[in-house]
Amino acid sequence: MPVHVDRRGRSVEDAVALYERVYDSRDIHIGDVARDGFTFRFRAVGDHDVTMGSSVVAARRWGTISPGRDYVLAWATSPGMTIDTGCREPVQLLPGIPVMYPVGRDFGFEGLPSGQHSIRFGGAFLESIAAARRGDEEARRLAFRQTLGVDALHRLRSRIGEAAPRLLDPSTPASDRARWNQSIADAVAAAFDATPSTAPTAAVGSSTIRFAKEWMIANARRAITVAEVSEAAGVSARGLQAAFQRHVGVRPMQFLREARLHGVRTDLLAADPDGTTVAAIAQSWGFNHLGRFSGYYADVYGEAPSETLRHRPLG
């Protein structure tokens, strides 16, 4: 299935909605708009095997990215982007230096107004390319070298430079695109020494999950990140994410959003509709994008927040 997306605009709400779809996230935030006003542009061209993209956001942003089964190579156009913010040694994206996103787990990011390029590989596709390089019959989940040597970086940049004009052209024939997809995937597998992953995720106990949930509820009115939750709980962000998915069935930030929605509903039911507004209560619980908040609220409670506010308490 061909992919061709080219979105730009000046609305923070539109940008948040777009990037939450792109990153499979419900935890994207944009603030501190650039002096000249807010703008964004996102472009992606490719297919289910390889998609090349570029993104420019004229504001500070932060949140959570979920790569799912895909593998993503990314590099910045200017300083100011940090990924894997929940780890002890977060990764700074340096201009022109490609890095692989963390594999198989959600991770946090923070960025100043800047641009970024990326290449997204379908999981099965890159795994098959790496298996062929190793001469393996079985394609398996991959792990990657963290940093590149000078020679490997030069070779990878050269291959990207050759492939990019073809892969970014929506009119490139499917047969040619398949050839360039294989070329760039082979270059990434070689540069980052893609090998089968054997590292297990450390188990996180139910008591730690309970503490993390209680900590999030206690701090739900302020802006918090996965990194802060994992630090408070004394576990890695990766372990926390995996444990929440396994024991709670949702991501930590989704649990936090649901806790905030519950807090909003409690306040709405207790409030005097003549003395407050939905917006004031929602914002006090950290919902700054009111349109999206209303959608979340209606999905959970089956009514608009304004309807809840009009339900005066009995007595």
C-alpha atoms as a PDB file:
ATOM      1  CA  MET A   1       0.000   0.000   0.000  1.00  0.00           C
ATOM      2  CA  PRO A   2       1.606   3.331  -1.059  1.00  0.00           C
ATOM      3  CA  VAL A   3       2.142   5.980   1.620  1.00  0.00           C
ATOM      4  CA  HIS A   4       2.117   9.678   0.724  1.00  0.00           C
ATOM      5  CA  VAL A   5       1.387  12.230   3.437  1.00  0.00           C
ATOM      6  CA  ASP A   6       2.161  15.947   3.279  1.00  0.00           C
ATOM      7  CA  ARG A   7       0.604  17.979   6.088  1.00  0.00           C
ATOM      8  CA  ARG A   8       1.411  21.474   7.237  1.00  0.00           C
ATOM      9  CA  GLY A   9      -0.352  24.130   9.228  1.00  0.00           C
ATOM     10  CA  ARG A  10      -0.423  26.620  12.103  1.00  0.00           C
ATOM     11  CA  SER A  11      -2.789  24.891  14.524  1.00  0.00           C
ATOM     12  CA  VAL A  12      -1.317  23.268  17.626  1.00  0.00           C
ATOM     13  CA  GLU A  13      -4.421  21.074  17.907  1.00  0.00           C
ATOM     14  CA  ASP A  14      -3.964  19.809  14.340  1.00  0.00           C
ATOM     15  CA  ALA A  15      -0.273  19.125  14.955  1.00  0.00           C
ATOM     16  CA  VAL A  16      -0.938  17.171  18.154  1.00  0.00           C
ATOM     17  CA  ALA A  17      -3.629  15.081  16.452  1.00  0.00           C
ATOM     18  CA  LEU A  18      -1.316  14.355  13.502  1.00  0.00           C
ATOM     19  CA  TYR A  19       1.710  13.357  15.572  1.00  0.00           C
ATOM     20  CA  GLU A  20      -0.350  11.192  17.888  1.00  0.00           C
ATOM     21  CA  ARG A  21      -1.423   9.234  14.808  1.00  0.00           C
ATOM     22  CA  VAL A  22       2.111   9.130  13.395  1.00  0.00           C
ATOM     23  CA  TYR A  23       3.650   8.000  16.700  1.00  0.00           C
ATOM     24  CA  ASP A  24       0.714   5.816  17.778  1.00  0.00           C
ATOM     25  CA  SER A  25       0.548   7.902  20.945  1.00  0.00           C
ATOM     26  CA  ARG A  26      -2.008   9.609  23.178  1.00  0.00           C
ATOM     27  CA  ASP A  27       0.716  11.575  24.912  1.00  0.00           C
ATOM     28  CA  ILE A  28       2.031  14.313  22.586  1.00  0.00           C
ATOM     29  CA  HIS A  29       2.395  17.848  23.956  1.00  0.00           C
ATOM     30  CA  ILE A  30       3.374  21.092  22.244  1.00  0.00           C
ATOM     31  CA  GLY A  31       4.294  24.298  24.058  1.00  0.00           C
ATOM     32  CA  ASP A  32       6.622  27.313  24.043  1.00  0.00           C
ATOM     33  CA  VAL A  33       5.731  28.327  20.508  1.00  0.00           C
ATOM     34  CA  ALA A  34       8.500  29.983  18.483  1.00  0.00           C
ATOM     35  CA  ARG A  35       8.625  33.792  18.460  1.00  0.00           C
ATOM     36  CA  ASP A  36       7.407  34.021  14.858  1.00  0.00           C
ATOM     37  CA  GLY A  37       4.345  31.877  15.633  1.00  0.00           C
ATOM     38  CA  PHE A  38       3.590  28.189  15.403  1.00  0.00           C
ATOM     39  CA  THR A  39       4.001  26.163  12.226  1.00  0.00           C
ATOM     40  CA  PHE A  40       4.498  22.494  11.492  1.00  0.00           C
ATOM     41  CA  ARG A  41       5.087  20.283   8.480  1.00  0.00           C
ATOM     42  CA  PHE A  42       5.176  16.508   8.216  1.00  0.00           C
ATOM     43  CA  ARG A  43       5.914  14.601   5.017  1.00  0.00           C
ATOM     44  CA  ALA A  44       6.162  10.832   4.500  1.00  0.00           C
ATOM     45  CA  VAL A  45       6.500   8.814   1.295  1.00  0.00           C
ATOM     46  CA  GLY A  46       6.910   5.044   0.937  1.00  0.00           C
ATOM     47  CA  ASP A  47       5.134   1.744   1.354  1.00  0.00           C
ATOM     48  CA  HIS A  48       4.609  -0.941   4.018  1.00  0.00           C
ATOM     49  CA  ASP A  49       8.322  -1.926   3.857  1.00  0.00           C
ATOM     50  CA  VAL A  50      10.094   1.456   3.957  1.00  0.00           C
ATOM     51  CA  THR A  51       8.773   4.979   4.511  1.00  0.00           C
ATOM     52  CA  MET A  52      10.985   8.068   4.471  1.00  0.00           C
ATOM     53  CA  GLY A  53       9.755  11.078   6.375  1.00  0.00           C
ATOM     54  CA  SER A  54      10.644  14.581   7.502  1.00  0.00           C
ATOM     55  CA  SER A  55       9.167  16.731  10.230  1.00  0.00           C
ATOM     56  CA  VAL A  56       9.607  20.362  11.290  1.00  0.00           C
ATOM     57  CA  VAL A  57       7.877  21.780  14.383  1.00  0.00           C
ATOM     58  CA  ALA A  58       8.330  25.413  15.422  1.00  0.00           C
ATOM     59  CA  ALA A  59       7.764  24.793  19.123  1.00  0.00           C
ATOM     60  CA  ARG A  60       9.007  22.726  22.039  1.00  0.00           C
ATOM     61  CA  ARG A  61       7.339  19.323  22.194  1.00  0.00           C
ATOM     62  CA  TRP A  62       7.486  16.223  24.343  1.00  0.00           C
ATOM     63  CA  GLY A  63       5.658  12.963  24.872  1.00  0.00           C
ATOM     64  CA  THR A  64       5.755   9.250  24.114  1.00  0.00           C
ATOM     65  CA  ILE A  65       6.463   7.400  20.865  1.00  0.00           C
ATOM     66  CA  SER A  66       5.324   3.835  20.209  1.00  0.00           C
ATOM     67  CA  PRO A  67       7.218   2.258  17.284  1.00  0.00           C
ATOM     68  CA  GLY A  68       5.280  -0.987  17.615  1.00  0.00           C
ATOM     69  CA  ARG A  69       6.777  -3.721  15.457  1.00  0.00           C
ATOM     70  CA  ASP A  70       8.537  -1.244  13.173  1.00  0.00           C
ATOM     71  CA  TYR A  71      12.156  -0.099  13.279  1.00  0.00           C
ATOM     72  CA  VAL A  72      12.951   3.585  12.893  1.00  0.00           C
ATOM     73  CA  LEU A  73      16.190   5.330  11.931  1.00  0.00           C
ATOM     74  CA  ALA A  74      16.213   9.062  12.687  1.00  0.00           C
ATOM     75  CA  TRP A  75      18.518  12.060  12.620  1.00  0.00           C
ATOM     76  CA  ALA A  76      18.038  15.734  13.490  1.00  0.00           C
ATOM     77  CA  THR A  77      18.622  18.805  11.361  1.00  0.00           C
ATOM     78  CA  SER A  78      19.622  20.913  14.384  1.00  0.00           C
ATOM     79  CA  PRO A  79      20.431  20.337  18.075  1.00  0.00           C
ATOM     80  CA  GLY A  80      17.734  20.010  20.709  1.00  0.00           C
ATOM     81  CA  MET A  81      16.081  16.596  20.285  1.00  0.00           C
ATOM     82  CA  THR A  82      16.426  13.968  23.034  1.00  0.00           C
ATOM     83  CA  ILE A  83      14.959  10.464  22.907  1.00  0.00           C
ATOM     84  CA  ASP A  84      14.602   7.660  25.453  1.00  0.00           C
ATOM     85  CA  THR A  85      14.227  10.229  28.184  1.00  0.00           C
ATOM     86  CA  GLY A  86      13.266   7.535  30.695  1.00  0.00           C
ATOM     87  CA  CYS A  87      16.733   5.970  30.643  1.00  0.00           C
ATOM     88  CA  ARG A  88      19.739   6.933  32.711  1.00  0.00           C
ATOM     89  CA  GLU A  89      21.584   7.937  29.550  1.00  0.00           C
ATOM     90  CA  PRO A  90      19.087   9.532  27.150  1.00  0.00           C
ATOM     91  CA  VAL A  91      20.174   9.883  23.532  1.00  0.00           C
ATOM     92  CA  GLN A  92      20.795  13.292  22.004  1.00  0.00           C
ATOM     93  CA  LEU A  93      19.984  13.402  18.299  1.00  0.00           C
ATOM     94  CA  LEU A  94      22.860  15.257  16.678  1.00  0.00           C
ATOM     95  CA  PRO A  95      22.503  16.950  13.294  1.00  0.00           C
ATOM     96  CA  GLY A  96      23.187  14.476  10.504  1.00  0.00           C
ATOM     97  CA  ILE A  97      24.028  11.530  12.804  1.00  0.00           C
ATOM     98  CA  PRO A  98      21.492   8.691  12.353  1.00  0.00           C
ATOM     99  CA  VAL A  99      20.424   6.640  15.378  1.00  0.00           C
ATOM    100  CA  MET A 100      17.993   3.755  15.782  1.00  0.00           C
ATOM    101  CA  TYR A 101      14.932   4.353  17.936  1.00  0.00           C
ATOM    102  CA  PRO A 102      14.554   1.999  20.926  1.00  0.00           C
ATOM    103  CA  VAL A 103      13.153  -1.322  19.763  1.00  0.00           C
ATOM    104  CA  GLY A 104       9.863  -2.946  20.723  1.00  0.00           C
ATOM    105  CA  ARG A 105       8.788  -0.533  23.446  1.00  0.00           C
ATOM    106  CA  ASP A 106       7.368   2.927  24.044  1.00  0.00           C
ATOM    107  CA  PHE A 107       9.849   5.666  24.899  1.00  0.00           C
ATOM    108  CA  GLY A 108       9.846   9.336  25.796  1.00  0.00           C
ATOM    109  CA  PHE A 109      11.186  12.254  23.788  1.00  0.00           C
ATOM    110  CA  GLU A 110      11.721  15.981  24.211  1.00  0.00           C
ATOM    111  CA  GLY A 111      12.551  18.462  21.479  1.00  0.00           C
ATOM    112  CA  LEU A 112      13.234  22.138  20.940  1.00  0.00           C
ATOM    113  CA  PRO A 113      11.935  23.833  17.778  1.00  0.00           C
ATOM    114  CA  SER A 114      13.750  21.828  15.106  1.00  0.00           C
ATOM    115  CA  GLY A 115      13.503  19.403  12.226  1.00  0.00           C
ATOM    116  CA  GLN A 116      14.039  15.681  11.941  1.00  0.00           C
ATOM    117  CA  HIS A 117      14.341  13.069   9.194  1.00  0.00           C
ATOM    118  CA  SER A 118      13.391   9.434   9.613  1.00  0.00           C
ATOM    119  CA  ILE A 119      13.239   6.106   7.809  1.00  0.00           C
ATOM    120  CA  ARG A 120      10.659   3.648   9.093  1.00  0.00           C
ATOM    121  CA  PHE A 121      11.145  -0.045   8.284  1.00  0.00           C
ATOM    122  CA  GLY A 122       8.421  -2.654   8.546  1.00  0.00           C
ATOM    123  CA  GLY A 123       9.499  -5.142  11.222  1.00  0.00           C
ATOM    124  CA  ALA A 124       9.225  -8.293   9.117  1.00  0.00           C
ATOM    125  CA  PHE A 125      10.957  -6.611   6.173  1.00  0.00           C
ATOM    126  CA  LEU A 126      14.082  -5.438   8.023  1.00  0.00           C
ATOM    127  CA  GLU A 127      14.277  -8.696   9.975  1.00  0.00           C
ATOM    128  CA  SER A 128      14.265 -10.678   6.720  1.00  0.00           C
ATOM    129  CA  ILE A 129      17.009  -8.471   5.258  1.00  0.00           C
ATOM    130  CA  ALA A 130      19.144  -8.892   8.391  1.00  0.00           C
ATOM    131  CA  ALA A 131      18.574 -12.664   8.379  1.00  0.00           C
ATOM    132  CA  ALA A 132      19.677 -12.885   4.741  1.00  0.00           C
ATOM    133  CA  ARG A 133      22.853 -10.960   5.590  1.00  0.00           C
ATOM    134  CA  ARG A 134      23.650 -13.438   8.380  1.00  0.00           C
ATOM    135  CA  GLY A 135      22.697 -16.455   6.288  1.00  0.00           C
ATOM    136  CA  ASP A 136      19.976 -17.383   8.790  1.00  0.00           C
ATOM    137  CA  GLU A 137      16.864 -19.245   7.744  1.00  0.00           C
ATOM    138  CA  GLU A 138      14.764 -17.625  10.478  1.00  0.00           C
ATOM    139  CA  ALA A 139      14.041 -13.894  10.737  1.00  0.00           C
ATOM    140  CA  ARG A 140      14.001 -12.762  14.377  1.00  0.00           C
ATOM    141  CA  ARG A 141      13.578  -9.581  16.440  1.00  0.00           C
ATOM    142  CA  LEU A 142      16.654  -7.374  16.115  1.00  0.00           C
ATOM    143  CA  ALA A 143      19.033  -5.490  18.363  1.00  0.00           C
ATOM    144  CA  PHE A 144      21.398  -2.775  17.115  1.00  0.00           C
ATOM    145  CA  ARG A 145      24.781  -1.277  17.867  1.00  0.00           C
ATOM    146  CA  GLN A 146      24.307   2.024  19.706  1.00  0.00           C
ATOM    147  CA  THR A 147      26.911   4.147  17.912  1.00  0.00           C
ATOM    148  CA  LEU A 148      28.500   4.194  14.475  1.00  0.00           C
ATOM    149  CA  GLY A 149      32.182   4.382  13.566  1.00  0.00           C
ATOM    150  CA  VAL A 150      33.365   6.992  11.092  1.00  0.00           C
ATOM    151  CA  ASP A 151      33.559   4.565   8.160  1.00  0.00           C
ATOM    152  CA  ALA A 152      30.151   3.004   8.880  1.00  0.00           C
ATOM    153  CA  LEU A 153      28.579   6.459   9.208  1.00  0.00           C
ATOM    154  CA  HIS A 154      30.096   7.560   5.895  1.00  0.00           C
ATOM    155  CA  ARG A 155      28.833   4.481   4.068  1.00  0.00           C
ATOM    156  CA  LEU A 156      25.360   4.783   5.537  1.00  0.00           C
ATOM    157  CA  ARG A 157      25.076   8.486   4.690  1.00  0.00           C
ATOM    158  CA  SER A 158      26.195   7.742   1.152  1.00  0.00           C
ATOM    159  CA  ARG A 159      23.554   5.043   0.693  1.00  0.00           C
ATOM    160  CA  ILE A 160      20.833   7.278   2.162  1.00  0.00           C
ATOM    161  CA  GLY A 161      21.893  10.068  -0.192  1.00  0.00           C
ATOM    162  CA  GLU A 162      21.575   7.728  -3.173  1.00  0.00           C
ATOM    163  CA  ALA A 163      18.247   6.239  -2.143  1.00  0.00           C
ATOM    164  CA  ALA A 164      16.437   9.326  -0.801  1.00  0.00           C
ATOM    165  CA  PRO A 165      15.575  11.008  -4.146  1.00  0.00           C
ATOM    166  CA  ARG A 166      13.974   7.774  -5.406  1.00  0.00           C
ATOM    167  CA  LEU A 167      12.205   6.862  -2.171  1.00  0.00           C
ATOM    168  CA  LEU A 168      10.852  10.385  -1.635  1.00  0.00           C
ATOM    169  CA  ASP A 169       9.413  10.531  -5.154  1.00  0.00           C
ATOM    170  CA  PRO A 170       5.817   9.220  -5.050  1.00  0.00           C
ATOM    171  CA  SER A 171       6.023   8.425  -8.782  1.00  0.00           C
ATOM    172  CA  THR A 172       8.895   5.934  -8.391  1.00  0.00           C
ATOM    173  CA  PRO A 173       7.684   2.606  -9.878  1.00  0.00           C
ATOM    174  CA  ALA A 174       6.993  -0.145  -7.356  1.00  0.00           C
ATOM    175  CA  SER A 175       9.747  -2.379  -8.794  1.00  0.00           C
ATOM    176  CA  ASP A 176      12.352   0.387  -8.453  1.00  0.00           C
ATOM    177  CA  ARG A 177      11.097   1.277  -4.980  1.00  0.00           C
ATOM    178  CA  ALA A 178      11.464  -2.355  -3.881  1.00  0.00           C
ATOM    179  CA  ARG A 179      15.084  -2.361  -5.068  1.00  0.00           C
ATOM    180  CA  TRP A 180      15.911   0.850  -3.200  1.00  0.00           C
ATOM    181  CA  ASN A 181      14.033  -0.382  -0.127  1.00  0.00           C
ATOM    182  CA  GLN A 182      16.280  -3.428  -0.031  1.00  0.00           C
ATOM    183  CA  SER A 183      19.374  -1.303  -0.608  1.00  0.00           C
ATOM    184  CA  ILE A 184      18.701   1.078   2.270  1.00  0.00           C
ATOM    185  CA  ALA A 185      17.603  -1.729   4.609  1.00  0.00           C
ATOM    186  CA  ASP A 186      20.775  -3.665   3.870  1.00  0.00           C
ATOM    187  CA  ALA A 187      22.862  -0.549   4.586  1.00  0.00           C
ATOM    188  CA  VAL A 188      21.148   0.029   7.951  1.00  0.00           C
ATOM    189  CA  ALA A 189      21.473  -3.632   8.974  1.00  0.00           C
ATOM    190  CA  ALA A 190      25.192  -3.516   8.132  1.00  0.00           C
ATOM    191  CA  ALA A 191      25.938  -0.145   9.738  1.00  0.00           C
ATOM    192  CA  PHE A 192      24.214  -0.974  13.029  1.00  0.00           C
ATOM    193  CA  ASP A 193      25.228  -4.642  13.085  1.00  0.00           C
ATOM    194  CA  ALA A 194      21.617  -5.848  13.288  1.00  0.00           C
ATOM    195  CA  THR A 195      21.557  -9.152  15.175  1.00  0.00           C
ATOM    196  CA  PRO A 196      18.840 -11.201  16.928  1.00  0.00           C
ATOM    197  CA  SER A 197      17.908  -9.730  20.287  1.00  0.00           C
ATOM    198  CA  THR A 198      18.341 -11.945  23.338  1.00  0.00           C
ATOM    199  CA  ALA A 199      18.093  -9.350  26.114  1.00  0.00           C
ATOM    200  CA  PRO A 200      15.099 -10.025  28.421  1.00  0.00           C
ATOM    201  CA  THR A 201      13.057  -7.265  30.000  1.00  0.00           C
ATOM    202  CA  ALA A 202      13.425  -7.169  33.769  1.00  0.00           C
ATOM    203  CA  ALA A 203      10.243  -8.136  35.580  1.00  0.00           C
ATOM    204  CA  VAL A 204       8.374  -5.482  37.523  1.00  0.00           C
ATOM    205  CA  GLY A 205       6.315  -6.690  40.473  1.00  0.00           C
ATOM    206  CA  SER A 206       2.699  -5.926  41.302  1.00  0.00           C
ATOM    207  CA  SER A 207       3.711  -3.815  44.317  1.00  0.00           C
ATOM    208  CA  THR A 208       5.758  -1.549  42.037  1.00  0.00           C
ATOM    209  CA  ILE A 209       2.846  -1.220  39.636  1.00  0.00           C
ATOM    210  CA  ARG A 210       0.557  -0.334  42.533  1.00  0.00           C
ATOM    211  CA  PHE A 211       3.005   2.320  43.759  1.00  0.00           C
ATOM    212  CA  ALA A 212       3.329   3.777  40.237  1.00  0.00           C
ATOM    213  CA  LYS A 213      -0.454   3.998  39.882  1.00  0.00           C
ATOM    214  CA  GLU A 214      -0.834   5.657  43.277  1.00  0.00           C
ATOM    215  CA  TRP A 215       2.001   8.085  42.503  1.00  0.00           C
ATOM    216  CA  MET A 216       0.401   9.072  39.195  1.00  0.00           C
ATOM    217  CA  ILE A 217      -2.977   9.614  40.834  1.00  0.00           C
ATOM    218  CA  ALA A 218      -1.382  11.781  43.544  1.00  0.00           C
ATOM    219  CA  ASN A 219       0.419  13.874  40.914  1.00  0.00           C
ATOM    220  CA  ALA A 220      -2.272  13.814  38.245  1.00  0.00           C
ATOM    221  CA  ARG A 221      -2.909  17.557  38.289  1.00  0.00           C
ATOM    222  CA  ARG A 222       0.620  18.410  37.126  1.00  0.00           C
ATOM    223  CA  ALA A 223       2.492  17.617  33.924  1.00  0.00           C
ATOM    224  CA  ILE A 224       4.398  14.356  34.407  1.00  0.00           C
ATOM    225  CA  THR A 225       6.197  12.015  32.036  1.00  0.00           C
ATOM    226  CA  VAL A 226       6.906   8.290  31.861  1.00  0.00           C
ATOM    227  CA  ALA A 227      10.482   9.111  32.880  1.00  0.00           C
ATOM    228  CA  GLU A 228       9.304  10.744  36.126  1.00  0.00           C
ATOM    229  CA  VAL A 229       6.971   7.857  36.943  1.00  0.00           C
ATOM    230  CA  SER A 230       9.656   5.241  36.351  1.00  0.00           C
ATOM    231  CA  GLU A 231      12.176   7.233  38.420  1.00  0.00           C
ATOM    232  CA  ALA A 232       9.704   7.524  41.302  1.00  0.00           C
ATOM    233  CA  ALA A 233       8.980   3.787  41.117  1.00  0.00           C
ATOM    234  CA  GLY A 234      12.667   2.885  40.916  1.00  0.00           C
ATOM    235  CA  VAL A 235      12.431   0.954  37.645  1.00  0.00           C
ATOM    236  CA  SER A 236      13.399   1.551  34.037  1.00  0.00           C
ATOM    237  CA  ALA A 237      10.932   3.197  31.692  1.00  0.00           C
ATOM    238  CA  ARG A 238      11.097   0.094  29.521  1.00  0.00           C
ATOM    239  CA  GLY A 239      10.256  -2.203  32.436  1.00  0.00           C
ATOM    240  CA  LEU A 240       7.423   0.070  33.562  1.00  0.00           C
ATOM    241  CA  GLN A 241       5.892   0.214  30.082  1.00  0.00           C
ATOM    242  CA  ALA A 242       6.042  -3.554  29.655  1.00  0.00           C
ATOM    243  CA  ALA A 243       4.628  -4.230  33.127  1.00  0.00           C
ATOM    244  CA  PHE A 244       1.702  -1.852  32.640  1.00  0.00           C
ATOM    245  CA  GLN A 245       0.824  -3.494  29.355  1.00  0.00           C
ATOM    246  CA  ARG A 246       1.027  -6.938  30.965  1.00  0.00           C
ATOM    247  CA  HIS A 247      -0.723  -6.272  34.304  1.00  0.00           C
ATOM    248  CA  VAL A 248      -2.949  -3.239  33.653  1.00  0.00           C
ATOM    249  CA  GLY A 249      -3.638  -3.645  29.950  1.00  0.00           C
ATOM    250  CA  VAL A 250      -2.854  -0.010  29.054  1.00  0.00           C
ATOM    251  CA  ARG A 251       0.209   2.199  28.805  1.00  0.00           C
ATOM    252  CA  PRO A 252       1.165   4.297  31.836  1.00  0.00           C
ATOM    253  CA  MET A 253       0.153   7.553  30.137  1.00  0.00           C
ATOM    254  CA  GLN A 254      -3.207   6.097  29.174  1.00  0.00           C
ATOM    255  CA  PHE A 255      -3.779   5.098  32.811  1.00  0.00           C
ATOM    256  CA  LEU A 256      -2.855   8.659  33.817  1.00  0.00           C
ATOM    257  CA  ARG A 257      -5.298  10.140  31.322  1.00  0.00           C
ATOM    258  CA  GLU A 258      -8.097   7.917  32.644  1.00  0.00           C
ATOM    259  CA  ALA A 259      -7.264   8.960  36.217  1.00  0.00           C
ATOM    260  CA  ARG A 260      -7.439  12.605  35.168  1.00  0.00           C
ATOM    261  CA  LEU A 261     -10.767  12.037  33.427  1.00  0.00           C
ATOM    262  CA  HIS A 262     -12.128  10.504  36.645  1.00  0.00           C
ATOM    263  CA  GLY A 263     -10.911  13.553  38.565  1.00  0.00           C
ATOM    264  CA  VAL A 264     -12.579  15.889  36.081  1.00  0.00           C
ATOM    265  CA  ARG A 265     -15.874  13.992  36.346  1.00  0.00           C
ATOM    266  CA  THR A 266     -15.787  14.110  40.141  1.00  0.00           C
ATOM    267  CA  ASP A 267     -15.221  17.884  40.057  1.00  0.00           C
ATOM    268  CA  LEU A 268     -17.895  18.436  37.395  1.00  0.00           C
ATOM    269  CA  LEU A 269     -20.511  16.558  39.395  1.00  0.00           C
ATOM    270  CA  ALA A 270     -19.689  18.554  42.535  1.00  0.00           C
ATOM    271  CA  ALA A 271     -19.429  21.953  40.830  1.00  0.00           C
ATOM    272  CA  ASP A 272     -21.957  24.764  40.545  1.00  0.00           C
ATOM    273  CA  PRO A 273     -22.535  25.209  36.794  1.00  0.00           C
ATOM    274  CA  ASP A 274     -23.107  28.937  37.368  1.00  0.00           C
ATOM    275  CA  GLY A 275     -19.765  29.338  39.109  1.00  0.00           C
ATOM    276  CA  THR A 276     -17.284  27.459  36.924  1.00  0.00           C
ATOM    277  CA  THR A 277     -16.738  26.101  33.421  1.00  0.00           C
ATOM    278  CA  VAL A 278     -15.778  22.813  31.865  1.00  0.00           C
ATOM    279  CA  ALA A 279     -12.616  24.436  30.513  1.00  0.00           C
ATOM    280  CA  ALA A 280     -11.463  25.602  33.941  1.00  0.00           C
ATOM    281  CA  ILE A 281     -11.932  22.174  35.501  1.00  0.00           C
ATOM    282  CA  ALA A 282     -10.365  20.323  32.571  1.00  0.00           C
ATOM    283  CA  GLN A 283      -7.327  22.601  32.556  1.00  0.00           C
ATOM    284  CA  SER A 284      -6.864  22.141  36.305  1.00  0.00           C
ATOM    285  CA  TRP A 285      -6.396  18.433  35.537  1.00  0.00           C
ATOM    286  CA  GLY A 286      -3.858  19.031  32.776  1.00  0.00           C
ATOM    287  CA  PHE A 287      -6.146  18.902  29.720  1.00  0.00           C
ATOM    288  CA  ASN A 288      -5.041  21.882  27.675  1.00  0.00           C
ATOM    289  CA  HIS A 289      -6.501  20.735  24.346  1.00  0.00           C
ATOM    290  CA  LEU A 290     -10.200  21.014  25.100  1.00  0.00           C
ATOM    291  CA  GLY A 291     -11.486  19.516  21.862  1.00  0.00           C
ATOM    292  CA  ARG A 292      -9.511  16.326  22.350  1.00  0.00           C
ATOM    293  CA  PHE A 293     -10.430  16.273  26.050  1.00  0.00           C
ATOM    294  CA  SER A 294     -14.134  16.387  25.189  1.00  0.00           C
ATOM    295  CA  GLY A 295     -13.679  13.466  22.815  1.00  0.00           C
ATOM    296  CA  TYR A 296     -11.870  11.378  25.437  1.00  0.00           C
ATOM    297  CA  TYR A 297     -14.520  12.229  28.031  1.00  0.00           C
ATOM    298  CA  ALA A 298     -17.441  11.317  25.786  1.00  0.00           C
ATOM    299  CA  ASP A 299     -15.776   8.033  24.825  1.00  0.00           C
ATOM    300  CA  VAL A 300     -15.453   7.014  28.485  1.00  0.00           C
ATOM    301  CA  TYR A 301     -18.652   8.411  30.029  1.00  0.00           C
ATOM    302  CA  GLY A 302     -21.066   8.496  27.098  1.00  0.00           C
ATOM    303  CA  GLU A 303     -21.921  12.159  27.465  1.00  0.00           C
ATOM    304  CA  ALA A 304     -20.321  15.552  26.914  1.00  0.00           C
ATOM    305  CA  PRO A 305     -18.588  17.128  29.953  1.00  0.00           C
ATOM    306  CA  SER A 306     -21.006  20.075  29.708  1.00  0.00           C
ATOM    307  CA  GLU A 307     -23.873  17.639  30.325  1.00  0.00           C
ATOM    308  CA  THR A 308     -22.161  16.321  33.448  1.00  0.00           C
ATOM    309  CA  LEU A 309     -21.663  19.852  34.731  1.00  0.00           C
ATOM    310  CA  ARG A 310     -25.376  20.610  34.351  1.00  0.00           C
ATOM    311  CA  HIS A 311     -26.246  17.649  36.606  1.00  0.00           C
ATOM    312  CA  ARG A 312     -26.605  19.530  39.867  1.00  0.00           C
ATOM    313  CA  PRO A 313     -25.992  17.366  42.973  1.00  0.00           C
ATOM    314  CA  LEU A 314     -29.147  16.272  44.800  1.00  0.00           C
ATOM    315  CA  GLY A 315     -29.944  17.486  48.259  1.00  0.00           C
END
